[in-house]
PDB file of N, CA and C in Angstrom:
ATOM      1  N   MET A   1      -2.644 -17.965 -43.209  1.00  0.00           N
ATOM      2  CA  MET A   1      -3.095 -18.543 -41.813  1.00  0.00           C
ATOM      3  C   MET A   1      -4.236 -17.566 -41.471  1.00  0.00           C
ATOM      4  N   ASP A   2      -5.305 -18.014 -41.048  1.00  0.00           N
ATOM      5  CA  ASP A   2      -6.373 -17.036 -40.672  1.00  0.00           C
ATOM      6  C   ASP A   2      -6.380 -16.838 -39.113  1.00  0.00           C
ATOM      7  N   ILE A   3      -7.015 -15.579 -38.787  1.00  0.00           N
ATOM      8  CA  ILE A   3      -6.820 -15.005 -37.635  1.00  0.00           C
ATOM      9  C   ILE A   3      -6.948 -15.920 -36.464  1.00  0.00           C
ATOM     10  N   GLN A   4      -8.029 -17.051 -36.562  1.00  0.00           N
ATOM     11  CA  GLN A   4      -8.185 -17.867 -35.523  1.00  0.00           C
ATOM     12  C   GLN A   4      -6.892 -18.702 -35.238  1.00  0.00           C
ATOM     13  N   ALA A   5      -6.368 -19.115 -36.449  1.00  0.00           N
ATOM     14  CA  ALA A   5      -5.191 -20.042 -36.454  1.00  0.00           C
ATOM     15  C   ALA A   5      -4.083 -19.136 -35.594  1.00  0.00           C
ATOM     16  N   GLU A   6      -3.885 -17.889 -36.031  1.00  0.00           N
ATOM     17  CA  GLU A   6      -2.908 -17.261 -35.370  1.00  0.00           C
ATOM     18  C   GLU A   6      -2.998 -17.219 -33.926  1.00  0.00           C
ATOM     19  N   ILE A   7      -4.250 -16.925 -33.298  1.00  0.00           N
ATOM     20  CA  ILE A   7      -4.674 -16.619 -32.303  1.00  0.00           C
ATOM     21  C   ILE A   7      -4.337 -18.010 -31.391  1.00  0.00           C
ATOM     22  N   ASN A   8      -4.731 -19.183 -31.993  1.00  0.00           N
ATOM     23  CA  ASN A   8      -4.509 -20.513 -31.338  1.00  0.00           C
ATOM     24  C   ASN A   8      -3.074 -20.558 -31.116  1.00  0.00           C
ATOM     25  N   TRP A   9      -2.283 -20.274 -32.111  1.00  0.00           N
ATOM     26  CA  TRP A   9      -0.852 -20.529 -32.030  1.00  0.00           C
ATOM     27  C   TRP A   9      -0.009 -19.450 -31.120  1.00  0.00           C
ATOM     28  N   ILE A  10      -0.589 -18.369 -30.921  1.00  0.00           N
ATOM     29  CA  ILE A  10      -0.260 -17.528 -29.885  1.00  0.00           C
ATOM     30  C   ILE A  10      -0.446 -18.152 -28.622  1.00  0.00           C
ATOM     31  N   HIS A  11      -1.839 -18.681 -28.507  1.00  0.00           N
ATOM     32  CA  HIS A  11      -2.112 -19.141 -27.083  1.00  0.00           C
ATOM     33  C   HIS A  11      -1.134 -20.325 -26.688  1.00  0.00           C
ATOM     34  N   GLN A  12      -0.972 -20.972 -27.804  1.00  0.00           N
ATOM     35  CA  GLN A  12      -0.102 -22.139 -27.241  1.00  0.00           C
ATOM     36  C   GLN A  12       1.575 -21.719 -27.109  1.00  0.00           C
ATOM     37  N   GLU A  13       1.916 -20.776 -27.722  1.00  0.00           N
ATOM     38  CA  GLU A  13       3.155 -20.413 -27.445  1.00  0.00           C
ATOM     39  C   GLU A  13       3.240 -19.545 -25.823  1.00  0.00           C
ATOM     40  N   ILE A  14       2.291 -18.850 -25.649  1.00  0.00           N
ATOM     41  CA  ILE A  14       2.060 -18.225 -24.391  1.00  0.00           C
ATOM     42  C   ILE A  14       2.289 -19.089 -23.452  1.00  0.00           C
ATOM     43  N   ASP A  15       1.287 -20.322 -23.317  1.00  0.00           N
ATOM     44  CA  ASP A  15       1.307 -21.346 -22.435  1.00  0.00           C
ATOM     45  C   ASP A  15       2.672 -21.946 -22.083  1.00  0.00           C
ATOM     46  N   LYS A  16       3.726 -21.789 -23.159  1.00  0.00           N
ATOM     47  CA  LYS A  16       5.003 -22.320 -22.952  1.00  0.00           C
ATOM     48  C   LYS A  16       5.706 -21.316 -21.983  1.00  0.00           C
ATOM     49  N   VAL A  17       5.593 -20.138 -21.986  1.00  0.00           N
ATOM     50  CA  VAL A  17       6.374 -19.132 -21.307  1.00  0.00           C
ATOM     51  C   VAL A  17       6.466 -19.285 -19.804  1.00  0.00           C
ATOM     52  N   LYS A  18       7.876 -19.363 -19.328  1.00  0.00           N
ATOM     53  CA  LYS A  18       8.035 -19.200 -17.990  1.00  0.00           C
ATOM     54  C   LYS A  18       8.691 -18.414 -17.511  1.00  0.00           C
ATOM     55  N   ASP A  19       9.140 -17.326 -18.401  1.00  0.00           N
ATOM     56  CA  ASP A  19       9.778 -16.023 -17.767  1.00  0.00           C
ATOM     57  C   ASP A  19       9.123 -15.016 -17.194  1.00  0.00           C
ATOM     58  N   PRO A  20       9.001 -14.712 -15.854  1.00  0.00           N
ATOM     59  CA  PRO A  20       7.850 -13.874 -15.465  1.00  0.00           C
ATOM     60  C   PRO A  20       8.176 -12.135 -16.061  1.00  0.00           C
ATOM     61  N   SER A  21       9.382 -12.043 -16.375  1.00  0.00           N
ATOM     62  CA  SER A  21       9.553 -10.806 -17.015  1.00  0.00           C
ATOM     63  C   SER A  21       8.967 -10.483 -18.306  1.00  0.00           C
ATOM     64  N   PHE A  22       9.045 -11.587 -19.100  1.00  0.00           N
ATOM     65  CA  PHE A  22       8.157 -11.652 -20.374  1.00  0.00           C
ATOM     66  C   PHE A  22       6.769 -11.434 -20.152  1.00  0.00           C
ATOM     67  N   VAL A  23       6.024 -12.229 -19.294  1.00  0.00           N
ATOM     68  CA  VAL A  23       4.743 -12.222 -18.788  1.00  0.00           C
ATOM     69  C   VAL A  23       4.372 -10.846 -18.650  1.00  0.00           C
ATOM     70  N   GLU A  24       5.050 -10.262 -17.857  1.00  0.00           N
ATOM     71  CA  GLU A  24       4.924  -8.969 -17.464  1.00  0.00           C
ATOM     72  C   GLU A  24       4.894  -7.875 -18.607  1.00  0.00           C
ATOM     73  N   LYS A  25       6.078  -8.034 -19.581  1.00  0.00           N
ATOM     74  CA  LYS A  25       6.279  -7.080 -20.758  1.00  0.00           C
ATOM     75  C   LYS A  25       4.754  -7.364 -21.469  1.00  0.00           C
ATOM     76  N   LEU A  26       4.419  -8.648 -21.768  1.00  0.00           N
ATOM     77  CA  LEU A  26       3.239  -8.888 -22.639  1.00  0.00           C
ATOM     78  C   LEU A  26       1.934  -8.391 -21.923  1.00  0.00           C
ATOM     79  N   LYS A  27       1.840  -8.392 -20.830  1.00  0.00           N
ATOM     80  CA  LYS A  27       0.702  -7.925 -20.222  1.00  0.00           C
ATOM     81  C   LYS A  27       0.814  -6.266 -20.250  1.00  0.00           C
ATOM     82  N   ARG A  28       1.895  -5.604 -20.064  1.00  0.00           N
ATOM     83  CA  ARG A  28       1.603  -4.280 -20.339  1.00  0.00           C
ATOM     84  C   ARG A  28       1.592  -4.061 -21.739  1.00  0.00           C
ATOM     85  N   LEU A  29       2.007  -4.610 -22.699  1.00  0.00           N
ATOM     86  CA  LEU A  29       1.632  -4.350 -24.153  1.00  0.00           C
ATOM     87  C   LEU A  29       0.451  -4.880 -24.503  1.00  0.00           C
ATOM     88  N   LEU A  30      -0.368  -5.685 -23.632  1.00  0.00           N
ATOM     89  CA  LEU A  30      -1.749  -5.818 -23.900  1.00  0.00           C
ATOM     90  C   LEU A  30      -2.559  -4.721 -23.116  1.00  0.00           C
ATOM     91  N   PHE A  31      -2.339  -4.366 -21.986  1.00  0.00           N
ATOM     92  CA  PHE A  31      -2.959  -3.265 -21.233  1.00  0.00           C
ATOM     93  C   PHE A  31      -2.793  -2.306 -22.072  1.00  0.00           C
ATOM     94  N   SER A  32      -1.515  -1.854 -22.852  1.00  0.00           N
ATOM     95  CA  SER A  32      -1.794  -0.366 -23.184  1.00  0.00           C
ATOM     96  C   SER A  32      -2.503  -0.197 -24.624  1.00  0.00           C
ATOM     97  N   ILE A  33      -2.405  -1.560 -25.464  1.00  0.00           N
ATOM     98  CA  ILE A  33      -3.407  -1.583 -26.445  1.00  0.00           C
ATOM     99  C   ILE A  33      -4.701  -1.633 -26.320  1.00  0.00           C
ATOM    100  N   ASN A  34      -5.249  -1.967 -25.083  1.00  0.00           N
ATOM    101  CA  ASN A  34      -6.770  -1.995 -24.570  1.00  0.00           C
ATOM    102  C   ASN A  34      -7.013  -0.559 -23.495  1.00  0.00           C
ATOM    103  N   SER A  35      -6.053   0.062 -23.089  1.00  0.00           N
ATOM    104  CA  SER A  35      -6.331   1.107 -22.311  1.00  0.00           C
ATOM    105  C   SER A  35      -6.877   2.278 -22.968  1.00  0.00           C
ATOM    106  N   THR A  36      -7.524   3.172 -21.953  1.00  0.00           N
ATOM    107  CA  THR A  36      -7.847   4.447 -22.165  1.00  0.00           C
ATOM    108  C   THR A  36      -6.989   5.641 -21.536  1.00  0.00           C
ATOM    109  N   PRO A  37      -6.975   6.585 -22.211  1.00  0.00           N
ATOM    110  CA  PRO A  37      -5.646   7.539 -21.715  1.00  0.00           C
ATOM    111  C   PRO A  37      -5.766   7.784 -20.299  1.00  0.00           C
ATOM    112  N   GLU A  38      -7.098   7.523 -19.594  1.00  0.00           N
ATOM    113  CA  GLU A  38      -6.851   7.893 -18.269  1.00  0.00           C
ATOM    114  C   GLU A  38      -6.147   6.580 -17.510  1.00  0.00           C
ATOM    115  N   THR A  39      -6.481   5.364 -18.053  1.00  0.00           N
ATOM    116  CA  THR A  39      -5.444   4.281 -17.631  1.00  0.00           C
ATOM    117  C   THR A  39      -4.015   4.138 -17.908  1.00  0.00           C
ATOM    118  N   SER A  40      -3.811   4.831 -19.015  1.00  0.00           N
ATOM    119  CA  SER A  40      -2.292   4.724 -19.311  1.00  0.00           C
ATOM    120  C   SER A  40      -1.692   5.944 -18.597  1.00  0.00           C
ATOM    121  N   ASN A  41      -2.383   7.052 -17.998  1.00  0.00           N
ATOM    122  CA  ASN A  41      -1.686   7.963 -17.107  1.00  0.00           C
ATOM    123  C   ASN A  41      -1.322   7.282 -15.700  1.00  0.00           C
ATOM    124  N   VAL A  42      -2.272   6.437 -15.470  1.00  0.00           N
ATOM    125  CA  VAL A  42      -2.083   5.793 -14.090  1.00  0.00           C
ATOM    126  C   VAL A  42      -0.861   4.958 -14.217  1.00  0.00           C
ATOM    127  N   ASP A  43      -1.091   4.133 -15.346  1.00  0.00           N
ATOM    128  CA  ASP A  43       0.267   3.165 -15.630  1.00  0.00           C
ATOM    129  C   ASP A  43       1.537   3.886 -15.568  1.00  0.00           C
ATOM    130  N   TYR A  44       1.247   5.071 -16.232  1.00  0.00           N
ATOM    131  CA  TYR A  44       2.673   5.871 -16.478  1.00  0.00           C
ATOM    132  C   TYR A  44       3.051   6.634 -15.205  1.00  0.00           C
ATOM    133  N   ASN A  45       2.347   7.050 -14.378  1.00  0.00           N
ATOM    134  CA  ASN A  45       2.431   7.463 -12.872  1.00  0.00           C
ATOM    135  C   ASN A  45       3.043   6.418 -12.196  1.00  0.00           C
ATOM    136  N   ILE A  46       2.481   5.048 -12.242  1.00  0.00           N
ATOM    137  CA  ILE A  46       3.072   3.989 -11.511  1.00  0.00           C
ATOM    138  C   ILE A  46       4.564   3.662 -11.794  1.00  0.00           C
ATOM    139  N   ASP A  47       4.852   3.617 -13.272  1.00  0.00           N
ATOM    140  CA  ASP A  47       6.272   3.435 -13.610  1.00  0.00           C
ATOM    141  C   ASP A  47       7.180   4.507 -13.197  1.00  0.00           C
ATOM    142  N   ILE A  48       6.622   5.767 -13.022  1.00  0.00           N
ATOM    143  CA  ILE A  48       7.470   6.601 -12.669  1.00  0.00           C
ATOM    144  C   ILE A  48       7.826   6.626 -11.167  1.00  0.00           C
ATOM    145  N   GLU A  49       6.874   6.063 -10.533  1.00  0.00           N
ATOM    146  CA  GLU A  49       7.102   5.871  -8.842  1.00  0.00           C
ATOM    147  C   GLU A  49       7.946   4.756  -8.765  1.00  0.00           C
ATOM    148  N   LYS A  50       8.051   3.740  -9.786  1.00  0.00           N
ATOM    149  CA  LYS A  50       9.043   2.734  -9.539  1.00  0.00           C
ATOM    150  C   LYS A  50      10.339   2.969  -9.874  1.00  0.00           C
ATOM    151  N   ALA A  51      10.429   3.767 -10.775  1.00  0.00           N
ATOM    152  CA  ALA A  51      11.820   4.533 -11.393  1.00  0.00           C
ATOM    153  C   ALA A  51      12.267   5.255 -10.120  1.00  0.00           C
ATOM    154  N   LEU A  52      11.644   6.113  -9.529  1.00  0.00           N
ATOM    155  CA  LEU A  52      12.038   7.047  -8.274  1.00  0.00           C
ATOM    156  C   LEU A  52      12.374   6.064  -7.341  1.00  0.00           C
ATOM    157  N   ASN A  53      11.690   5.101  -6.886  1.00  0.00           N
ATOM    158  CA  ASN A  53      12.081   4.137  -5.952  1.00  0.00           C
ATOM    159  C   ASN A  53      13.365   3.563  -6.081  1.00  0.00           C
ATOM    160  N   SER A  54      13.565   2.970  -7.459  1.00  0.00           N
ATOM    161  CA  SER A  54      14.562   2.261  -7.698  1.00  0.00           C
ATOM    162  C   SER A  54      15.834   3.296  -7.518  1.00  0.00           C
ATOM    163  N   ILE A  55      15.767   4.323  -7.836  1.00  0.00           N
ATOM    164  CA  ILE A  55      16.892   5.297  -7.719  1.00  0.00           C
ATOM    165  C   ILE A  55      17.111   5.637  -6.431  1.00  0.00           C
ATOM    166  N   ASN A  56      16.201   5.897  -5.561  1.00  0.00           N
ATOM    167  CA  ASN A  56      16.449   6.164  -4.206  1.00  0.00           C
ATOM    168  C   ASN A  56      17.115   4.870  -3.489  1.00  0.00           C
ATOM    169  N   ASN A  57      16.774   3.825  -4.112  1.00  0.00           N
ATOM    170  CA  ASN A  57      17.388   2.571  -3.570  1.00  0.00           C
ATOM    171  C   ASN A  57      18.738   2.270  -3.998  1.00  0.00           C
ATOM    172  N   GLY A  58      19.177   3.290  -5.100  1.00  0.00           N
ATOM    173  CA  GLY A  58      20.693   3.137  -5.257  1.00  0.00           C
ATOM    174  C   GLY A  58      21.144   2.335  -6.739  1.00  0.00           C
ATOM    175  N   HIS A  59      19.800   1.876  -7.327  1.00  0.00           N
ATOM    176  CA  HIS A  59      19.820   1.390  -8.370  1.00  0.00           C
ATOM    177  C   HIS A  59      19.794   2.294  -9.758  1.00  0.00           C
ATOM    178  N   PHE A  60      21.163   2.607  -9.965  1.00  0.00           N
ATOM    179  CA  PHE A  60      21.152   3.879 -11.146  1.00  0.00           C
ATOM    180  C   PHE A  60      22.513   3.677 -11.717  1.00  0.00           C
ATOM    181  N   HIS A  61      22.771   4.118 -12.843  1.00  0.00           N
ATOM    182  CA  HIS A  61      23.894   4.026 -13.422  1.00  0.00           C
ATOM    183  C   HIS A  61      24.472   5.561 -13.718  1.00  0.00           C
ATOM    184  N   SER A  62      25.846   5.579 -13.473  1.00  0.00           N
ATOM    185  CA  SER A  62      26.422   7.252 -14.016  1.00  0.00           C
ATOM    186  C   SER A  62      26.251   7.223 -15.434  1.00  0.00           C
ATOM    187  N   GLU A  63      26.376   8.518 -15.835  1.00  0.00           N
ATOM    188  CA  GLU A  63      26.272   8.877 -17.333  1.00  0.00           C
ATOM    189  C   GLU A  63      27.386   7.965 -18.116  1.00  0.00           C
ATOM    190  N   ASN A  64      28.658   7.761 -17.698  1.00  0.00           N
ATOM    191  CA  ASN A  64      29.556   6.949 -18.094  1.00  0.00           C
ATOM    192  C   ASN A  64      29.261   5.642 -18.312  1.00  0.00           C
ATOM    193  N   GLU A  65      28.745   5.197 -17.399  1.00  0.00           N
ATOM    194  CA  GLU A  65      28.191   3.503 -17.441  1.00  0.00           C
ATOM    195  C   GLU A  65      27.025   3.580 -18.219  1.00  0.00           C
ATOM    196  N   ALA A  66      26.165   4.529 -18.176  1.00  0.00           N
ATOM    197  CA  ALA A  66      25.192   4.667 -19.296  1.00  0.00           C
ATOM    198  C   ALA A  66      25.356   4.500 -20.732  1.00  0.00           C
ATOM    199  N   ARG A  67      26.405   5.392 -20.949  1.00  0.00           N
ATOM    200  CA  ARG A  67      27.259   5.372 -22.329  1.00  0.00           C
ATOM    201  C   ARG A  67      27.708   4.167 -22.925  1.00  0.00           C
ATOM    202  N   GLU A  68      28.327   3.342 -21.469  1.00  0.00           N
ATOM    203  CA  GLU A  68      28.991   2.026 -22.074  1.00  0.00           C
ATOM    204  C   GLU A  68      27.947   1.262 -22.552  1.00  0.00           C
ATOM    205  N   ILE A  69      26.924   0.959 -21.474  1.00  0.00           N
ATOM    206  CA  ILE A  69      25.787   0.226 -21.719  1.00  0.00           C
ATOM    207  C   ILE A  69      25.163   0.410 -23.243  1.00  0.00           C
ATOM    208  N   SER A  70      24.889   1.627 -23.572  1.00  0.00           N
ATOM    209  CA  SER A  70      24.470   2.037 -24.780  1.00  0.00           C
ATOM    210  C   SER A  70      25.112   1.524 -25.836  1.00  0.00           C
ATOM    211  N   LYS A  71      26.417   1.638 -26.016  1.00  0.00           N
ATOM    212  CA  LYS A  71      27.333   1.307 -26.893  1.00  0.00           C
ATOM    213  C   LYS A  71      27.272  -0.233 -27.100  1.00  0.00           C
ATOM    214  N   LYS A  72      26.833  -1.190 -25.946  1.00  0.00           N
ATOM    215  CA  LYS A  72      26.757  -2.617 -26.264  1.00  0.00           C
ATOM    216  C   LYS A  72      25.662  -2.966 -26.820  1.00  0.00           C
ATOM    217  N   CYS A  73      24.707  -2.079 -26.807  1.00  0.00           N
ATOM    218  CA  CYS A  73      23.247  -2.137 -27.299  1.00  0.00           C
ATOM    219  C   CYS A  73      23.484  -1.703 -28.779  1.00  0.00           C
ATOM    220  N   GLY A  74      24.454  -1.442 -29.162  1.00  0.00           N
ATOM    221  CA  GLY A  74      24.563  -1.016 -30.454  1.00  0.00           C
ATOM    222  C   GLY A  74      24.421   0.627 -30.780  1.00  0.00           C
ATOM    223  N   ARG A  75      24.154   1.393 -29.796  1.00  0.00           N
ATOM    224  CA  ARG A  75      24.030   2.690 -29.981  1.00  0.00           C
ATOM    225  C   ARG A  75      25.322   3.689 -29.820  1.00  0.00           C
ATOM    226  N   LYS A  76      25.536   4.531 -30.382  1.00  0.00           N
ATOM    227  CA  LYS A  76      26.839   5.296 -30.250  1.00  0.00           C
ATOM    228  C   LYS A  76      26.505   6.715 -29.677  1.00  0.00           C
TER     229      LYS A  76
END
């Protein structure tokens, strides 16, 4: 397949996506590919701020819970 055919296929598949979480991940991937070090730092800082807010709102796991989650994902 040539590059234009690949791009067309990707466009068609993206048009079918309805999952906001996937769209956000794809957006971040594209942003990271096209970003400069300065914009990457801004995005990194935003991610840290979101994580800290999540922790402050009680959304976190204990060490034991994290280990159990990790095991379920195939890590030991």
